[in-house]
Amino acid sequence: MSSANTSSSVPEVQSPPVQRSAWTWIKTQLFSSPLNSLLTILVVWLLLATVPALVEWALIKANFVAGTAQECRASGGAC
C-alpha cells in the first residue's frame, strides 16, 4: 500500500507579477486623484522653472579657473 500525499509534494506556484506599461503606472500613481494631479503638475512646473536656471548658473556660467574673487564674481556663475 502506498499512501502518497500529492498535495504536500507539489510546490506552490505563484502567478508571475503583472507587468504594467509606464503610462499605466503614471496614471495610477501620479494622476489617481484631483489632488495628486494638481501636485504632479505643480512639481513638474516648479522643476521646469528652476532646473534650467540652476544648470546654467552651476555649470554653464561657472568659473572654474578664476584667479581672484573679483574675476569669479564677474562671471555671473558659480565659483
Protein backbone atom coordinates (compact mmCIF):
# COMPACT_ATOMS: atom_id res chain seq x y z
CA MET A 1 0.00 0.00 0.00
CA SER A 2 1.25 3.37 -0.84
CA SER A 3 -0.08 6.40 0.89
CA ALA A 4 1.25 9.11 -1.36
CA ASN A 5 0.02 12.51 -0.48
CA THR A 6 0.28 14.52 -3.67
CA SER A 7 -0.86 17.83 -2.21
CA SER A 8 2.19 18.18 0.04
CA SER A 9 4.73 17.13 -2.57
CA VAL A 10 3.64 19.66 -5.21
CA PRO A 11 5.26 23.06 -4.67
CA GLU A 12 3.03 26.10 -4.63
CA VAL A 13 3.27 28.03 -7.86
CA GLN A 14 2.75 31.76 -7.70
CA SER A 15 1.48 33.68 -10.65
CA PRO A 16 4.02 35.89 -12.40
CA PRO A 17 3.96 39.58 -11.50
CA VAL A 18 1.69 41.72 -13.59
CA GLN A 19 3.65 43.91 -15.96
CA ARG A 20 2.31 47.39 -16.46
CA SER A 21 3.24 49.94 -19.01
CA ALA A 22 4.81 53.22 -17.99
CA TRP A 23 1.62 55.06 -18.93
CA THR A 24 -0.46 52.82 -16.64
CA TRP A 25 1.94 53.44 -13.76
CA ILE A 26 1.83 57.19 -14.35
CA LYS A 27 -1.96 57.23 -14.39
CA THR A 28 -2.32 55.12 -11.24
CA GLN A 29 0.45 56.76 -9.21
CA LEU A 30 0.62 60.40 -10.29
CA PHE A 31 -2.90 61.16 -11.55
CA SER A 32 -5.08 58.92 -9.38
CA SER A 33 -7.00 61.79 -7.79
CA PRO A 34 -7.53 65.50 -8.42
CA LEU A 35 -5.13 66.36 -5.60
CA ASN A 36 -2.40 64.06 -6.96
CA SER A 37 -2.90 65.54 -10.43
CA LEU A 38 -2.57 69.09 -9.10
CA LEU A 39 0.55 68.23 -7.08
CA THR A 40 2.13 66.44 -10.05
CA ILE A 41 1.53 69.38 -12.36
CA LEU A 42 2.82 71.81 -9.72
CA VAL A 43 6.04 69.84 -9.17
CA VAL A 44 6.69 69.48 -12.91
CA TRP A 45 6.15 73.23 -13.39
CA LEU A 46 8.48 74.00 -10.48
CA LEU A 47 11.20 71.74 -11.89
CA LEU A 48 10.87 73.26 -15.36
CA ALA A 49 11.16 76.74 -13.86
CA THR A 50 14.20 76.09 -11.65
CA VAL A 51 16.37 73.35 -13.14
CA PRO A 52 17.43 75.18 -16.34
CA ALA A 53 18.48 78.27 -14.37
CA LEU A 54 20.35 76.13 -11.86
CA VAL A 55 22.19 74.23 -14.59
CA GLU A 56 23.13 77.49 -16.31
CA TRP A 57 24.43 79.03 -13.07
CA ALA A 58 26.19 75.91 -11.73
CA LEU A 59 27.68 74.53 -14.94
CA ILE A 60 27.46 76.80 -17.97
CA LYS A 61 28.38 80.18 -16.44
CA ALA A 62 30.57 78.71 -13.70
CA ASN A 63 34.12 79.94 -13.47
CA PHE A 64 36.42 77.08 -12.57
CA VAL A 65 39.74 78.87 -13.11
CA ALA A 66 39.31 82.36 -11.66
CA GLY A 67 42.45 83.76 -10.09
CA THR A 68 40.72 86.21 -7.78
CA ALA A 69 37.34 86.62 -6.12
CA GLN A 70 36.64 89.63 -8.37
CA GLU A 71 37.10 87.54 -11.53
CA CYS A 72 34.87 84.87 -10.08
CA ARG A 73 32.07 87.30 -9.25
CA ALA A 74 32.29 88.89 -12.71
CA SER A 75 31.48 85.62 -14.43
CA GLY A 76 27.91 85.59 -13.05
CA GLY A 77 28.00 81.90 -12.24
CA ALA A 78 29.22 79.59 -9.54
CA CYS A 79 32.82 79.86 -8.42
